[in-house]
Amino acid sequence: MDSFFSTSMNEVNVLAKLADLKEDHYHHLLTLSALMELLIDKGILTREEIDKKAHELDQFMAHPPYPTV
């Protein structure tokens, strides 16, 4: 019975941690979106510049410049 309880509690803990990560992720994205909108509203950056840079970074991440194992 102890191993069942331990396994069940481990699953509950993992799910709780996942929920916390999802909430943190949401708040980070919200902050990033607010910053991007402020930079655009102030004329510091354009949406096109942000899109271009995001595409560049995405290409870098999609094809790492180093060998993977």
C-alpha atoms as a PDB file:
ATOM      1  CA  MET A   1       0.000   0.000   0.000  1.00  0.00           C
ATOM      2  CA  ASP A   2       2.857   2.389   0.765  1.00  0.00           C
ATOM      3  CA  SER A   3       4.293   2.060  -2.744  1.00  0.00           C
ATOM      4  CA  PHE A   4       0.858   2.742  -4.299  1.00  0.00           C
ATOM      5  CA  PHE A   5       0.398   5.835  -2.150  1.00  0.00           C
ATOM      6  CA  SER A   6       3.919   6.973  -2.903  1.00  0.00           C
ATOM      7  CA  THR A   7       3.414   6.544  -6.640  1.00  0.00           C
ATOM      8  CA  SER A   8       0.043   8.288  -6.551  1.00  0.00           C
ATOM      9  CA  MET A   9       1.444  11.166  -4.530  1.00  0.00           C
ATOM     10  CA  ASN A  10       4.377  11.457  -6.941  1.00  0.00           C
ATOM     11  CA  GLU A  11       1.913  11.749  -9.814  1.00  0.00           C
ATOM     12  CA  VAL A  12      -0.071  14.402  -7.955  1.00  0.00           C
ATOM     13  CA  ASN A  13       3.136  16.327  -7.241  1.00  0.00           C
ATOM     14  CA  VAL A  14       4.245  16.141 -10.876  1.00  0.00           C
ATOM     15  CA  LEU A  15       0.843  17.367 -12.065  1.00  0.00           C
ATOM     16  CA  ALA A  16       0.904  20.217  -9.540  1.00  0.00           C
ATOM     17  CA  LYS A  17       4.367  21.246 -10.724  1.00  0.00           C
ATOM     18  CA  LEU A  18       3.167  21.138 -14.327  1.00  0.00           C
ATOM     19  CA  ALA A  19       0.235  23.392 -13.448  1.00  0.00           C
ATOM     20  CA  ASP A  20       2.634  25.843 -11.776  1.00  0.00           C
ATOM     21  CA  LEU A  21       4.882  25.827 -14.851  1.00  0.00           C
ATOM     22  CA  LYS A  22       1.920  26.509 -17.129  1.00  0.00           C
ATOM     23  CA  GLU A  23       0.877  29.469 -14.977  1.00  0.00           C
ATOM     24  CA  ASP A  24       4.444  30.824 -14.941  1.00  0.00           C
ATOM     25  CA  HIS A  25       4.656  30.374 -18.715  1.00  0.00           C
ATOM     26  CA  TYR A  26       1.394  32.308 -19.166  1.00  0.00           C
ATOM     27  CA  HIS A  27       2.646  35.202 -17.035  1.00  0.00           C
ATOM     28  CA  HIS A  28       5.968  35.315 -18.903  1.00  0.00           C
ATOM     29  CA  LEU A  29       4.170  35.406 -22.255  1.00  0.00           C
ATOM     30  CA  LEU A  30       1.816  38.099 -21.007  1.00  0.00           C
ATOM     31  CA  THR A  31       4.741  40.250 -19.863  1.00  0.00           C
ATOM     32  CA  LEU A  32       6.585  39.698 -23.141  1.00  0.00           C
ATOM     33  CA  SER A  33       3.482  40.611 -25.148  1.00  0.00           C
ATOM     34  CA  ALA A  34       2.994  43.777 -23.107  1.00  0.00           C
ATOM     35  CA  LEU A  35       6.628  44.795 -23.651  1.00  0.00           C
ATOM     36  CA  MET A  36       6.386  44.161 -27.386  1.00  0.00           C
ATOM     37  CA  GLU A  37       3.195  46.211 -27.650  1.00  0.00           C
ATOM     38  CA  LEU A  38       4.770  49.087 -25.711  1.00  0.00           C
ATOM     39  CA  LEU A  39       7.850  49.070 -27.961  1.00  0.00           C
ATOM     40  CA  ILE A  40       5.602  49.118 -31.035  1.00  0.00           C
ATOM     41  CA  ASP A  41       3.314  51.823 -29.617  1.00  0.00           C
ATOM     42  CA  LYS A  42       6.327  54.024 -28.835  1.00  0.00           C
ATOM     43  CA  GLY A  43       7.704  53.549 -32.343  1.00  0.00           C
ATOM     44  CA  ILE A  44      10.888  51.873 -31.127  1.00  0.00           C
ATOM     45  CA  LEU A  45      10.257  48.656 -33.061  1.00  0.00           C
ATOM     46  CA  THR A  46       7.830  47.569 -35.745  1.00  0.00           C
ATOM     47  CA  ARG A  47       5.883  44.315 -35.875  1.00  0.00           C
ATOM     48  CA  GLU A  48       7.837  43.431 -38.986  1.00  0.00           C
ATOM     49  CA  GLU A  49      11.161  43.811 -37.158  1.00  0.00           C
ATOM     50  CA  ILE A  50       9.911  41.636 -34.313  1.00  0.00           C
ATOM     51  CA  ASP A  51       8.571  39.028 -36.736  1.00  0.00           C
ATOM     52  CA  LYS A  52      11.845  39.013 -38.667  1.00  0.00           C
ATOM     53  CA  LYS A  53      13.930  38.560 -35.523  1.00  0.00           C
ATOM     54  CA  ALA A  54      11.588  35.823 -34.230  1.00  0.00           C
ATOM     55  CA  HIS A  55      11.946  34.009 -37.551  1.00  0.00           C
ATOM     56  CA  GLU A  56      15.751  34.325 -37.393  1.00  0.00           C
ATOM     57  CA  LEU A  57      15.830  32.928 -33.859  1.00  0.00           C
ATOM     58  CA  ASP A  58      13.437  30.142 -34.799  1.00  0.00           C
ATOM     59  CA  GLN A  59      15.692  29.111 -37.686  1.00  0.00           C
ATOM     60  CA  PHE A  60      18.663  29.042 -35.345  1.00  0.00           C
ATOM     61  CA  MET A  61      16.806  26.822 -32.893  1.00  0.00           C
ATOM     62  CA  ALA A  62      15.438  24.533 -35.608  1.00  0.00           C
ATOM     63  CA  HIS A  63      18.908  23.759 -36.946  1.00  0.00           C
ATOM     64  CA  PRO A  64      21.519  23.818 -34.179  1.00  0.00           C
ATOM     65  CA  PRO A  65      24.946  24.884 -35.445  1.00  0.00           C
ATOM     66  CA  TYR A  66      26.590  22.094 -33.458  1.00  0.00           C
ATOM     67  CA  PRO A  67      26.342  18.297 -33.751  1.00  0.00           C
ATOM     68  CA  THR A  68      23.818  16.561 -31.555  1.00  0.00           C
ATOM     69  CA  VAL A  69      24.150  13.068 -30.158  1.00  0.00           C
END
